[in-house]
Amino acid sequence: MDFRAMIASLPCLTLILVTLGYLTACVVAPFGRCRTCHATGRARSRLARARRDCRRCAGTGLRLRVGRHVINHLHDEYDASKR
């Protein structure tokens, strides 16, 4: 493999490593911090300064990562195909 081919394959290898790292993170830690309430579980009301439970995380401060949604969907489709 010459130098040009090695340099040309670096972006593909980097993309594969980032993707595998993110999927590993989704398996190990499926929940991330809620971006709407900043992991407090409380969000401001639109009309007043009152606080209420965050709609996105239901007051827990955690949300399911997008990658974990994909993993769950693929797992459900695999289970459905075996029936």
C-alpha atoms as a PDB file:
ATOM      1  CA  MET A   1       0.000   0.000   0.000  1.00  0.00           C
ATOM      2  CA  ASP A   2       1.489   3.296  -1.033  1.00  0.00           C
ATOM      3  CA  PHE A   3       1.309   6.554   0.899  1.00  0.00           C
ATOM      4  CA  ARG A   4      -1.535   8.090  -1.165  1.00  0.00           C
ATOM      5  CA  ALA A   5      -3.788   5.072  -0.705  1.00  0.00           C
ATOM      6  CA  MET A   6      -3.125   5.085   3.018  1.00  0.00           C
ATOM      7  CA  ILE A   7      -3.991   8.783   3.307  1.00  0.00           C
ATOM      8  CA  ALA A   8      -7.133   8.275   1.199  1.00  0.00           C
ATOM      9  CA  SER A   9      -8.364   5.479   3.479  1.00  0.00           C
ATOM     10  CA  LEU A  10      -7.876   7.442   6.727  1.00  0.00           C
ATOM     11  CA  PRO A  11     -11.271   9.276   6.630  1.00  0.00           C
ATOM     12  CA  CYS A  12     -13.112   5.991   6.128  1.00  0.00           C
ATOM     13  CA  LEU A  13     -11.241   4.337   8.980  1.00  0.00           C
ATOM     14  CA  THR A  14     -11.876   7.338  11.229  1.00  0.00           C
ATOM     15  CA  LEU A  15     -15.594   7.270  10.453  1.00  0.00           C
ATOM     16  CA  ILE A  16     -15.794   3.553  11.231  1.00  0.00           C
ATOM     17  CA  LEU A  17     -13.965   4.009  14.547  1.00  0.00           C
ATOM     18  CA  VAL A  18     -16.195   6.928  15.602  1.00  0.00           C
ATOM     19  CA  THR A  19     -19.338   4.961  14.738  1.00  0.00           C
ATOM     20  CA  LEU A  20     -18.203   1.877  16.651  1.00  0.00           C
ATOM     21  CA  GLY A  21     -17.229   4.038  19.612  1.00  0.00           C
ATOM     22  CA  TYR A  22     -20.650   5.703  19.686  1.00  0.00           C
ATOM     23  CA  LEU A  23     -22.466   2.367  19.447  1.00  0.00           C
ATOM     24  CA  THR A  24     -20.320   1.022  22.290  1.00  0.00           C
ATOM     25  CA  ALA A  25     -21.233   4.078  24.363  1.00  0.00           C
ATOM     26  CA  CYS A  26     -24.925   3.476  23.591  1.00  0.00           C
ATOM     27  CA  VAL A  27     -24.683  -0.121  24.811  1.00  0.00           C
ATOM     28  CA  VAL A  28     -22.705   0.711  27.956  1.00  0.00           C
ATOM     29  CA  ALA A  29     -24.580   3.914  28.899  1.00  0.00           C
ATOM     30  CA  PRO A  30     -27.923   4.054  27.046  1.00  0.00           C
ATOM     31  CA  PHE A  31     -29.093   7.226  28.784  1.00  0.00           C
ATOM     32  CA  GLY A  32     -27.691  10.713  28.290  1.00  0.00           C
ATOM     33  CA  ARG A  33     -28.380  14.061  29.906  1.00  0.00           C
ATOM     34  CA  CYS A  34     -31.548  15.830  28.816  1.00  0.00           C
ATOM     35  CA  ARG A  35     -30.706  18.900  26.738  1.00  0.00           C
ATOM     36  CA  THR A  36     -34.032  20.621  27.386  1.00  0.00           C
ATOM     37  CA  CYS A  37     -33.787  20.835  31.176  1.00  0.00           C
ATOM     38  CA  HIS A  38     -29.986  20.398  31.461  1.00  0.00           C
ATOM     39  CA  ALA A  39     -30.483  17.207  33.525  1.00  0.00           C
ATOM     40  CA  THR A  40     -32.446  18.926  36.294  1.00  0.00           C
ATOM     41  CA  GLY A  41     -35.804  17.374  35.445  1.00  0.00           C
ATOM     42  CA  ARG A  42     -37.478  20.763  35.615  1.00  0.00           C
ATOM     43  CA  ALA A  43     -38.163  23.189  32.772  1.00  0.00           C
ATOM     44  CA  ARG A  44     -39.550  26.704  32.679  1.00  0.00           C
ATOM     45  CA  SER A  45     -43.136  27.296  31.758  1.00  0.00           C
ATOM     46  CA  ARG A  46     -43.589  29.312  28.577  1.00  0.00           C
ATOM     47  CA  LEU A  47     -45.883  31.946  30.045  1.00  0.00           C
ATOM     48  CA  ALA A  48     -44.490  32.413  33.521  1.00  0.00           C
ATOM     49  CA  ARG A  49     -41.332  31.858  35.511  1.00  0.00           C
ATOM     50  CA  ALA A  50     -42.908  28.803  37.105  1.00  0.00           C
ATOM     51  CA  ARG A  51     -41.134  25.472  36.815  1.00  0.00           C
ATOM     52  CA  ARG A  52     -42.723  22.218  35.706  1.00  0.00           C
ATOM     53  CA  ASP A  53     -41.541  18.703  34.932  1.00  0.00           C
ATOM     54  CA  CYS A  54     -39.652  18.499  31.677  1.00  0.00           C
ATOM     55  CA  ARG A  55     -41.712  16.960  28.868  1.00  0.00           C
ATOM     56  CA  ARG A  56     -38.782  15.407  27.079  1.00  0.00           C
ATOM     57  CA  CYS A  57     -37.408  13.418  30.014  1.00  0.00           C
ATOM     58  CA  ALA A  58     -40.582  13.233  32.167  1.00  0.00           C
ATOM     59  CA  GLY A  59     -38.757  14.843  35.074  1.00  0.00           C
ATOM     60  CA  THR A  60     -35.919  12.300  35.283  1.00  0.00           C
ATOM     61  CA  GLY A  61     -33.172  14.427  33.722  1.00  0.00           C
ATOM     62  CA  LEU A  62     -32.206  11.523  31.433  1.00  0.00           C
ATOM     63  CA  ARG A  63     -33.086  10.715  27.833  1.00  0.00           C
ATOM     64  CA  LEU A  64     -32.514   7.661  25.669  1.00  0.00           C
ATOM     65  CA  ARG A  65     -29.703   8.218  23.161  1.00  0.00           C
ATOM     66  CA  VAL A  66     -30.501   8.181  19.434  1.00  0.00           C
ATOM     67  CA  GLY A  67     -28.131   5.264  18.875  1.00  0.00           C
ATOM     68  CA  ARG A  68     -29.921   3.263  21.554  1.00  0.00           C
ATOM     69  CA  HIS A  69     -33.246   3.957  19.805  1.00  0.00           C
ATOM     70  CA  VAL A  70     -31.713   2.475  16.632  1.00  0.00           C
ATOM     71  CA  ILE A  71     -30.361  -0.556  18.503  1.00  0.00           C
ATOM     72  CA  ASN A  72     -33.761  -1.162  20.144  1.00  0.00           C
ATOM     73  CA  HIS A  73     -35.551  -0.856  16.801  1.00  0.00           C
ATOM     74  CA  LEU A  74     -33.196  -3.318  15.106  1.00  0.00           C
ATOM     75  CA  HIS A  75     -33.590  -5.732  18.019  1.00  0.00           C
ATOM     76  CA  ASP A  76     -37.407  -5.502  17.813  1.00  0.00           C
ATOM     77  CA  GLU A  77     -37.337  -6.096  14.048  1.00  0.00           C
ATOM     78  CA  TYR A  78     -35.075  -9.102  14.506  1.00  0.00           C
ATOM     79  CA  ASP A  79     -37.421 -10.551  17.137  1.00  0.00           C
ATOM     80  CA  ALA A  80     -40.426  -9.943  14.877  1.00  0.00           C
ATOM     81  CA  SER A  81     -38.740 -11.712  11.985  1.00  0.00           C
ATOM     82  CA  LYS A  82     -38.216 -14.859  14.054  1.00  0.00           C
ATOM     83  CA  ARG A  83     -41.970 -15.278  14.692  1.00  0.00           C
END
